[in-house]
Amino acid sequence: MAFVATSLAEFIRLLGHDAIPAGNDMALSIPLAVDAGLGELGRNGLLITKEFGPRLRLCKVFTNLPWSR
């Protein structure tokens, strides 16, 4: 998980944007994932998705990369 976040952040930096990989040290992953629409907050405090249920590992990359659809 940490390797993937670091690798993705490095790739974004090579594109010329800022990127900071993070676990739960900078911000809580589950509330951000719920706000992003990735799943719902379960009674057990875990992120619940339709495809994987509660079996997820979350990490994030903070970046200024422009977003488009």
PDB file of N, CA and C in Angstrom:
ATOM      1  N   MET A   1       0.827  -1.172   0.000  1.00  0.00           N
ATOM      2  CA  MET A   1       0.000   0.000   0.000  1.00  0.00           C
ATOM      3  C   MET A   1       0.880   1.246   0.000  1.00  0.00           C
ATOM      4  N   ALA A   2       1.856   1.296   0.877  1.00  0.00           N
ATOM      5  CA  ALA A   2       2.748   2.455   0.930  1.00  0.00           C
ATOM      6  C   ALA A   2       3.579   2.545  -0.349  1.00  0.00           C
ATOM      7  N   PHE A   3       3.988   1.390  -0.880  1.00  0.00           N
ATOM      8  CA  PHE A   3       4.769   1.377  -2.124  1.00  0.00           C
ATOM      9  C   PHE A   3       3.955   1.929  -3.285  1.00  0.00           C
ATOM     10  N   VAL A   4       2.692   1.536  -3.387  1.00  0.00           N
ATOM     11  CA  VAL A   4       1.835   2.000  -4.473  1.00  0.00           C
ATOM     12  C   VAL A   4       1.594   3.504  -4.369  1.00  0.00           C
ATOM     13  N   ALA A   5       1.300   4.002  -3.171  1.00  0.00           N
ATOM     14  CA  ALA A   5       1.070   5.439  -2.987  1.00  0.00           C
ATOM     15  C   ALA A   5       2.320   6.238  -3.329  1.00  0.00           C
ATOM     16  N   THR A   6       3.485   5.757  -2.902  1.00  0.00           N
ATOM     17  CA  THR A   6       4.737   6.441  -3.191  1.00  0.00           C
ATOM     18  C   THR A   6       5.048   6.411  -4.685  1.00  0.00           C
ATOM     19  N   SER A   7       4.814   5.293  -5.331  1.00  0.00           N
ATOM     20  CA  SER A   7       5.056   5.174  -6.769  1.00  0.00           C
ATOM     21  C   SER A   7       4.130   6.090  -7.566  1.00  0.00           C
ATOM     22  N   LEU A   8       2.853   6.136  -7.177  1.00  0.00           N
ATOM     23  CA  LEU A   8       1.909   7.014  -7.859  1.00  0.00           C
ATOM     24  C   LEU A   8       2.289   8.477  -7.659  1.00  0.00           C
ATOM     25  N   ALA A   9       2.684   8.836  -6.443  1.00  0.00           N
ATOM     26  CA  ALA A   9       3.107  10.214  -6.176  1.00  0.00           C
ATOM     27  C   ALA A   9       4.335  10.585  -7.011  1.00  0.00           C
ATOM     28  N   GLU A  10       5.267   9.681  -7.140  1.00  0.00           N
ATOM     29  CA  GLU A  10       6.453   9.938  -7.956  1.00  0.00           C
ATOM     30  C   GLU A  10       6.078  10.133  -9.431  1.00  0.00           C
ATOM     31  N   PHE A  11       5.165   9.324  -9.936  1.00  0.00           N
ATOM     32  CA  PHE A  11       4.704   9.465 -11.315  1.00  0.00           C
ATOM     33  C   PHE A  11       4.054  10.833 -11.533  1.00  0.00           C
ATOM     34  N   ILE A  12       3.212  11.259 -10.591  1.00  0.00           N
ATOM     35  CA  ILE A  12       2.551  12.567 -10.699  1.00  0.00           C
ATOM     36  C   ILE A  12       3.587  13.681 -10.666  1.00  0.00           C
ATOM     37  N   ARG A  13       4.613  13.538  -9.821  1.00  0.00           N
ATOM     38  CA  ARG A  13       5.694  14.533  -9.781  1.00  0.00           C
ATOM     39  C   ARG A  13       6.438  14.601 -11.111  1.00  0.00           C
ATOM     40  N   LEU A  14       6.645  13.452 -11.761  1.00  0.00           N
ATOM     41  CA  LEU A  14       7.306  13.436 -13.064  1.00  0.00           C
ATOM     42  C   LEU A  14       6.469  14.139 -14.131  1.00  0.00           C
ATOM     43  N   LEU A  15       5.154  14.190 -13.935  1.00  0.00           N
ATOM     44  CA  LEU A  15       4.277  14.931 -14.844  1.00  0.00           C
ATOM     45  C   LEU A  15       4.338  16.435 -14.594  1.00  0.00           C
ATOM     46  N   GLY A  16       5.021  16.851 -13.519  1.00  0.00           N
ATOM     47  CA  GLY A  16       5.189  18.268 -13.226  1.00  0.00           C
ATOM     48  C   GLY A  16       4.243  18.839 -12.196  1.00  0.00           C
ATOM     49  N   HIS A  17       3.601  17.979 -11.421  1.00  0.00           N
ATOM     50  CA  HIS A  17       2.666  18.441 -10.391  1.00  0.00           C
ATOM     51  C   HIS A  17       3.181  18.043  -9.009  1.00  0.00           C
ATOM     52  N   ASP A  18       2.643  18.699  -7.987  1.00  0.00           N
ATOM     53  CA  ASP A  18       2.981  18.340  -6.616  1.00  0.00           C
ATOM     54  C   ASP A  18       2.195  17.096  -6.208  1.00  0.00           C
ATOM     55  N   ALA A  19       2.796  16.233  -5.383  1.00  0.00           N
ATOM     56  CA  ALA A  19       2.105  15.032  -4.912  1.00  0.00           C
ATOM     57  C   ALA A  19       2.721  14.593  -3.591  1.00  0.00           C
ATOM     58  N   ILE A  20       1.852  14.285  -2.626  1.00  0.00           N
ATOM     59  CA  ILE A  20       2.296  13.834  -1.307  1.00  0.00           C
ATOM     60  C   ILE A  20       1.564  12.533  -0.973  1.00  0.00           C
ATOM     61  N   PRO A  21       2.286  11.405  -0.873  1.00  0.00           N
ATOM     62  CA  PRO A  21       1.634  10.142  -0.486  1.00  0.00           C
ATOM     63  C   PRO A  21       1.334  10.152   1.013  1.00  0.00           C
ATOM     64  N   ALA A  22       0.227   9.510   1.407  1.00  0.00           N
ATOM     65  CA  ALA A  22      -0.145   9.513   2.822  1.00  0.00           C
ATOM     66  C   ALA A  22      -0.943   8.271   3.171  1.00  0.00           C
ATOM     67  N   GLY A  23      -0.801   7.849   4.424  1.00  0.00           N
ATOM     68  CA  GLY A  23      -1.654   6.810   4.998  1.00  0.00           C
ATOM     69  C   GLY A  23      -2.711   7.508   5.821  1.00  0.00           C
ATOM     70  N   ASN A  24      -2.840   7.167   7.093  1.00  0.00           N
ATOM     71  CA  ASN A  24      -3.773   7.850   7.983  1.00  0.00           C
ATOM     72  C   ASN A  24      -3.097   8.939   8.792  1.00  0.00           C
ATOM     73  N   ASP A  25      -1.853   9.276   8.478  1.00  0.00           N
ATOM     74  CA  ASP A  25      -1.141  10.263   9.276  1.00  0.00           C
ATOM     75  C   ASP A  25      -1.554  11.694   8.962  1.00  0.00           C
ATOM     76  N   MET A  26      -1.926  12.013   7.726  1.00  0.00           N
ATOM     77  CA  MET A  26      -2.281  13.384   7.348  1.00  0.00           C
ATOM     78  C   MET A  26      -3.781  13.644   7.417  1.00  0.00           C
ATOM     79  N   ALA A  27      -4.572  12.647   7.110  1.00  0.00           N
ATOM     80  CA  ALA A  27      -6.029  12.758   7.145  1.00  0.00           C
ATOM     81  C   ALA A  27      -6.597  11.342   7.199  1.00  0.00           C
ATOM     82  N   LEU A  28      -7.768  11.208   7.765  1.00  0.00           N
ATOM     83  CA  LEU A  28      -8.392   9.893   7.861  1.00  0.00           C
ATOM     84  C   LEU A  28      -8.894   9.455   6.489  1.00  0.00           C
ATOM     85  N   SER A  29      -8.573   8.241   6.109  1.00  0.00           N
ATOM     86  CA  SER A  29      -8.890   7.743   4.776  1.00  0.00           C
ATOM     87  C   SER A  29     -10.373   7.438   4.591  1.00  0.00           C
ATOM     88  N   ILE A  30     -11.034   6.890   5.581  1.00  0.00           N
ATOM     89  CA  ILE A  30     -12.422   6.446   5.410  1.00  0.00           C
ATOM     90  C   ILE A  30     -13.371   7.611   5.154  1.00  0.00           C
ATOM     91  N   PRO A  31     -13.332   8.709   5.918  1.00  0.00           N
ATOM     92  CA  PRO A  31     -14.231   9.821   5.583  1.00  0.00           C
ATOM     93  C   PRO A  31     -13.979  10.399   4.191  1.00  0.00           C
ATOM     94  N   LEU A  32     -12.724  10.457   3.772  1.00  0.00           N
ATOM     95  CA  LEU A  32     -12.425  10.948   2.426  1.00  0.00           C
ATOM     96  C   LEU A  32     -12.965   9.998   1.365  1.00  0.00           C
ATOM     97  N   ALA A  33     -12.861   8.697   1.589  1.00  0.00           N
ATOM     98  CA  ALA A  33     -13.374   7.712   0.639  1.00  0.00           C
ATOM     99  C   ALA A  33     -14.897   7.776   0.549  1.00  0.00           C
ATOM    100  N   VAL A  34     -15.575   7.972   1.674  1.00  0.00           N
ATOM    101  CA  VAL A  34     -17.037   8.106   1.666  1.00  0.00           C
ATOM    102  C   VAL A  34     -17.430   9.364   0.907  1.00  0.00           C
ATOM    103  N   ASP A  35     -16.734  10.483   1.156  1.00  0.00           N
ATOM    104  CA  ASP A  35     -17.022  11.732   0.452  1.00  0.00           C
ATOM    105  C   ASP A  35     -16.758  11.607  -1.048  1.00  0.00           C
ATOM    106  N   ALA A  36     -15.800  10.783  -1.430  1.00  0.00           N
ATOM    107  CA  ALA A  36     -15.481  10.569  -2.842  1.00  0.00           C
ATOM    108  C   ALA A  36     -16.467   9.614  -3.511  1.00  0.00           C
ATOM    109  N   GLY A  37     -17.353   8.996  -2.726  1.00  0.00           N
ATOM    110  CA  GLY A  37     -18.349   8.096  -3.301  1.00  0.00           C
ATOM    111  C   GLY A  37     -17.847   6.679  -3.537  1.00  0.00           C
ATOM    112  N   LEU A  38     -16.774   6.286  -2.860  1.00  0.00           N
ATOM    113  CA  LEU A  38     -16.227   4.941  -3.059  1.00  0.00           C
ATOM    114  C   LEU A  38     -16.993   3.863  -2.310  1.00  0.00           C
ATOM    115  N   GLY A  39     -17.763   4.246  -1.297  1.00  0.00           N
ATOM    116  CA  GLY A  39     -18.521   3.284  -0.509  1.00  0.00           C
ATOM    117  C   GLY A  39     -19.269   3.994   0.605  1.00  0.00           C
ATOM    118  N   GLU A  40     -19.717   3.205   1.572  1.00  0.00           N
ATOM    119  CA  GLU A  40     -20.472   3.734   2.706  1.00  0.00           C
ATOM    120  C   GLU A  40     -19.762   3.387   4.001  1.00  0.00           C
ATOM    121  N   LEU A  41     -20.021   4.177   5.010  1.00  0.00           N
ATOM    122  CA  LEU A  41     -19.468   3.911   6.336  1.00  0.00           C
ATOM    123  C   LEU A  41     -20.323   2.852   7.018  1.00  0.00           C
ATOM    124  N   GLY A  42     -19.695   1.744   7.409  1.00  0.00           N
ATOM    125  CA  GLY A  42     -20.415   0.660   8.071  1.00  0.00           C
ATOM    126  C   GLY A  42     -20.531   0.883   9.565  1.00  0.00           C
ATOM    127  N   ARG A  43     -21.384   0.108  10.212  1.00  0.00           N
ATOM    128  CA  ARG A  43     -21.535   0.194  11.671  1.00  0.00           C
ATOM    129  C   ARG A  43     -20.246  -0.152  12.398  1.00  0.00           C
ATOM    130  N   ASN A  44     -19.401  -0.941  11.754  1.00  0.00           N
ATOM    131  CA  ASN A  44     -18.134  -1.325  12.359  1.00  0.00           C
ATOM    132  C   ASN A  44     -17.049  -0.266  12.163  1.00  0.00           C
ATOM    133  N   GLY A  45     -17.381   0.858  11.532  1.00  0.00           N
ATOM    134  CA  GLY A  45     -16.435   1.938  11.337  1.00  0.00           C
ATOM    135  C   GLY A  45     -15.545   1.766  10.112  1.00  0.00           C
ATOM    136  N   LEU A  46     -15.828   0.737   9.291  1.00  0.00           N
ATOM    137  CA  LEU A  46     -15.029   0.485   8.097  1.00  0.00           C
ATOM    138  C   LEU A  46     -15.765   0.967   6.854  1.00  0.00           C
ATOM    139  N   LEU A  47     -15.021   1.178   5.796  1.00  0.00           N
ATOM    140  CA  LEU A  47     -15.619   1.505   4.507  1.00  0.00           C
ATOM    141  C   LEU A  47     -16.182   0.214   3.918  1.00  0.00           C
ATOM    142  N   ILE A  48     -17.444   0.265   3.480  1.00  0.00           N
ATOM    143  CA  ILE A  48     -18.103  -0.890   2.891  1.00  0.00           C
ATOM    144  C   ILE A  48     -18.377  -0.572   1.420  1.00  0.00           C
ATOM    145  N   THR A  49     -17.920  -1.450   0.515  1.00  0.00           N
ATOM    146  CA  THR A  49     -18.188  -1.259  -0.909  1.00  0.00           C
ATOM    147  C   THR A  49     -19.040  -2.409  -1.430  1.00  0.00           C
ATOM    148  N   LYS A  50     -19.693  -2.182  -2.560  1.00  0.00           N
ATOM    149  CA  LYS A  50     -20.528  -3.229  -3.150  1.00  0.00           C
ATOM    150  C   LYS A  50     -19.685  -4.390  -3.646  1.00  0.00           C
ATOM    151  N   GLU A  51     -18.539  -4.100  -4.227  1.00  0.00           N
ATOM    152  CA  GLU A  51     -17.721  -5.151  -4.838  1.00  0.00           C
ATOM    153  C   GLU A  51     -16.886  -5.935  -3.830  1.00  0.00           C
ATOM    154  N   PHE A  52     -16.264  -5.245  -2.858  1.00  0.00           N
ATOM    155  CA  PHE A  52     -15.318  -5.899  -1.949  1.00  0.00           C
ATOM    156  C   PHE A  52     -15.787  -5.978  -0.500  1.00  0.00           C
ATOM    157  N   GLY A  53     -16.928  -5.384  -0.185  1.00  0.00           N
ATOM    158  CA  GLY A  53     -17.383  -5.358   1.202  1.00  0.00           C
ATOM    159  C   GLY A  53     -16.417  -4.552   2.053  1.00  0.00           C
ATOM    160  N   PRO A  54     -16.050  -5.037   3.247  1.00  0.00           N
ATOM    161  CA  PRO A  54     -15.137  -4.290   4.112  1.00  0.00           C
ATOM    162  C   PRO A  54     -13.660  -4.649   3.892  1.00  0.00           C
ATOM    163  N   ARG A  55     -13.374  -5.498   2.910  1.00  0.00           N
ATOM    164  CA  ARG A  55     -12.000  -5.980   2.709  1.00  0.00           C
ATOM    165  C   ARG A  55     -11.207  -5.028   1.818  1.00  0.00           C
ATOM    166  N   LEU A  56     -10.837  -3.881   2.368  1.00  0.00           N
ATOM    167  CA  LEU A  56     -10.108  -2.854   1.629  1.00  0.00           C
ATOM    168  C   LEU A  56      -8.914  -2.359   2.418  1.00  0.00           C
ATOM    169  N   ARG A  57      -7.923  -1.897   1.691  1.00  0.00           N
ATOM    170  CA  ARG A  57      -6.807  -1.164   2.294  1.00  0.00           C
ATOM    171  C   ARG A  57      -6.781   0.183   1.593  1.00  0.00           C
ATOM    172  N   LEU A  58      -6.746   1.266   2.353  1.00  0.00           N
ATOM    173  CA  LEU A  58      -6.818   2.599   1.776  1.00  0.00           C
ATOM    174  C   LEU A  58      -5.534   3.373   2.003  1.00  0.00           C
ATOM    175  N   CYS A  59      -5.154   4.136   1.007  1.00  0.00           N
ATOM    176  CA  CYS A  59      -4.103   5.133   1.142  1.00  0.00           C
ATOM    177  C   CYS A  59      -4.486   6.257   0.188  1.00  0.00           C
ATOM    178  N   LYS A  60      -3.784   7.362   0.252  1.00  0.00           N
ATOM    179  CA  LYS A  60      -4.155   8.490  -0.589  1.00  0.00           C
ATOM    180  C   LYS A  60      -2.927   9.235  -1.069  1.00  0.00           C
ATOM    181  N   VAL A  61      -3.118  10.022  -2.118  1.00  0.00           N
ATOM    182  CA  VAL A  61      -2.082  10.899  -2.631  1.00  0.00           C
ATOM    183  C   VAL A  61      -2.707  12.281  -2.777  1.00  0.00           C
ATOM    184  N   PHE A  62      -2.185  13.259  -2.061  1.00  0.00           N
ATOM    185  CA  PHE A  62      -2.643  14.639  -2.184  1.00  0.00           C
ATOM    186  C   PHE A  62      -1.875  15.277  -3.332  1.00  0.00           C
ATOM    187  N   THR A  63      -2.605  15.908  -4.247  1.00  0.00           N
ATOM    188  CA  THR A  63      -1.952  16.458  -5.431  1.00  0.00           C
ATOM    189  C   THR A  63      -2.697  17.692  -5.938  1.00  0.00           C
ATOM    190  N   ASN A  64      -2.006  18.479  -6.758  1.00  0.00           N
ATOM    191  CA  ASN A  64      -2.647  19.610  -7.422  1.00  0.00           C
ATOM    192  C   ASN A  64      -2.912  19.272  -8.892  1.00  0.00           C
ATOM    193  N   LEU A  65      -2.908  18.011  -9.224  1.00  0.00           N
ATOM    194  CA  LEU A  65      -3.181  17.546 -10.588  1.00  0.00           C
ATOM    195  C   LEU A  65      -4.589  17.960 -10.970  1.00  0.00           C
ATOM    196  N   PRO A  66      -4.779  18.593 -12.142  1.00  0.00           N
ATOM    197  CA  PRO A  66      -6.126  19.013 -12.539  1.00  0.00           C
ATOM    198  C   PRO A  66      -7.053  17.806 -12.737  1.00  0.00           C
ATOM    199  N   TRP A  67      -8.303  17.977 -12.382  1.00  0.00           N
ATOM    200  CA  TRP A  67      -9.280  16.907 -12.491  1.00  0.00           C
ATOM    201  C   TRP A  67     -10.203  17.200 -13.650  1.00  0.00           C
ATOM    202  N   SER A  68     -10.490  16.209 -14.463  1.00  0.00           N
ATOM    203  CA  SER A  68     -11.459  16.369 -15.552  1.00  0.00           C
ATOM    204  C   SER A  68     -12.168  15.045 -15.772  1.00  0.00           C
ATOM    205  N   ARG A  69     -13.324  15.100 -16.368  1.00  0.00           N
ATOM    206  CA  ARG A  69     -14.093  13.884 -16.640  1.00  0.00           C
ATOM    207  C   ARG A  69     -13.774  13.324 -17.981  1.00  0.00           C
TER     208      ARG A  69
END
